[in-house]
């Protein structure tokens, strides 16, 4: 039986956060959670929600109801072309 290590979980959390930032960085109105779940599939909704909450706590994204938006800081970083794929 395979057990997920703390390092594996941290890597997956960072991966989910990275994908989420890329998803909302260039969008003025952000995305609804349902759209994010579809876009970031096969990540689980629970993992995506954890990434959203983590990024919200640190001021990277803003959550308004079911919509996830870029923060002013993320908008500025994106305009400086500091976010690369």
Protein backbone atom coordinates (compact mmCIF):
# COMPACT_ATOMS: atom_id res chain seq x y z
CA UNK A 1 0.00 0.00 0.00
CA UNK A 2 1.37 3.40 -1.00
CA UNK A 3 1.27 6.21 1.55
CA UNK A 4 1.69 9.78 0.39
CA UNK A 5 4.67 11.36 2.11
CA UNK A 6 4.67 14.90 3.50
CA UNK A 7 7.07 15.88 0.69
CA UNK A 8 4.73 14.41 -1.95
CA UNK A 9 1.82 16.33 -0.43
CA UNK A 10 3.81 19.59 -0.29
CA UNK A 11 4.85 19.14 -3.93
CA UNK A 12 1.26 18.49 -4.97
CA UNK A 13 0.03 21.53 -3.00
CA UNK A 14 2.65 23.76 -4.65
CA UNK A 15 1.73 22.30 -8.04
CA UNK A 16 -1.97 23.06 -7.44
CA UNK A 17 -1.13 26.61 -6.32
CA UNK A 18 1.08 27.12 -9.38
CA UNK A 19 -1.68 25.97 -11.75
CA UNK A 20 -4.25 28.11 -9.97
CA UNK A 21 -2.08 31.24 -10.26
CA UNK A 22 -1.59 30.59 -13.96
CA UNK A 23 -5.33 30.10 -14.37
CA UNK A 24 -6.41 33.42 -12.81
CA UNK A 25 -3.37 35.68 -13.40
CA UNK A 26 -4.48 37.16 -16.70
CA UNK A 27 -8.21 37.29 -16.02
CA UNK A 28 -9.88 40.51 -14.95
CA UNK A 29 -12.96 38.74 -13.56
CA UNK A 30 -11.25 35.54 -12.41
CA UNK A 31 -13.04 32.20 -12.57
CA UNK A 32 -15.83 30.51 -10.68
CA UNK A 33 -14.74 27.50 -8.62
CA UNK A 34 -16.67 25.11 -10.88
CA UNK A 35 -14.68 26.34 -13.88
CA UNK A 36 -11.42 26.01 -11.97
CA UNK A 37 -12.30 22.43 -10.99
CA UNK A 38 -12.81 21.59 -14.67
CA UNK A 39 -9.70 23.43 -15.81
CA UNK A 40 -7.42 21.84 -13.21
CA UNK A 41 -8.81 18.30 -13.51
CA UNK A 42 -7.53 15.68 -12.53
CA UNK A 43 -6.67 17.54 -9.30
CA UNK A 44 -9.40 16.90 -6.75
CA UNK A 45 -11.75 19.72 -5.75
CA UNK A 46 -10.45 19.35 -2.17
CA UNK A 47 -6.87 19.89 -3.29
CA UNK A 48 -7.92 22.89 -5.38
CA UNK A 49 -9.90 24.37 -2.49
CA UNK A 50 -6.84 23.98 -0.25
CA UNK A 51 -4.73 25.82 -2.84
CA UNK A 52 -7.33 28.60 -3.09
CA UNK A 53 -7.42 29.00 0.69
CA UNK A 54 -3.62 29.03 0.96
CA UNK A 55 -3.26 31.62 -1.80
CA UNK A 56 -6.05 33.71 -0.28
CA UNK A 57 -4.37 33.70 3.15
CA UNK A 58 -1.15 35.01 1.61
CA UNK A 59 -2.86 37.68 -0.50
CA UNK A 60 -2.20 36.16 -3.92
CA UNK A 61 -5.87 35.70 -4.82
CA UNK A 62 -9.14 37.20 -3.64
CA UNK A 63 -12.26 35.09 -3.13
CA UNK A 64 -15.69 36.69 -3.64
CA UNK A 65 -18.40 34.10 -3.19
CA UNK A 66 -17.65 31.33 -5.68
CA UNK A 67 -15.36 33.53 -7.81
CA UNK A 68 -11.56 33.48 -7.44
CA UNK A 69 -9.82 36.64 -8.64
CA UNK A 70 -6.24 37.80 -8.88
CA UNK A 71 -5.12 40.21 -6.17
CA UNK A 72 -3.67 43.62 -7.08
CA UNK A 73 -0.20 42.20 -6.27
CA UNK A 74 -0.69 39.25 -8.63
CA UNK A 75 -2.01 41.60 -11.31
CA UNK A 76 1.13 43.74 -11.01
CA UNK A 77 3.47 40.75 -11.10
CA UNK A 78 1.67 39.48 -14.18
CA UNK A 79 2.02 42.87 -15.90
CA UNK A 80 5.74 42.82 -15.17
CA UNK A 81 5.94 39.52 -17.11
CA UNK A 82 7.33 37.77 -14.08
CA UNK A 83 4.91 34.83 -14.39
CA UNK A 84 6.22 32.34 -16.93
CA UNK A 85 4.90 29.01 -18.11
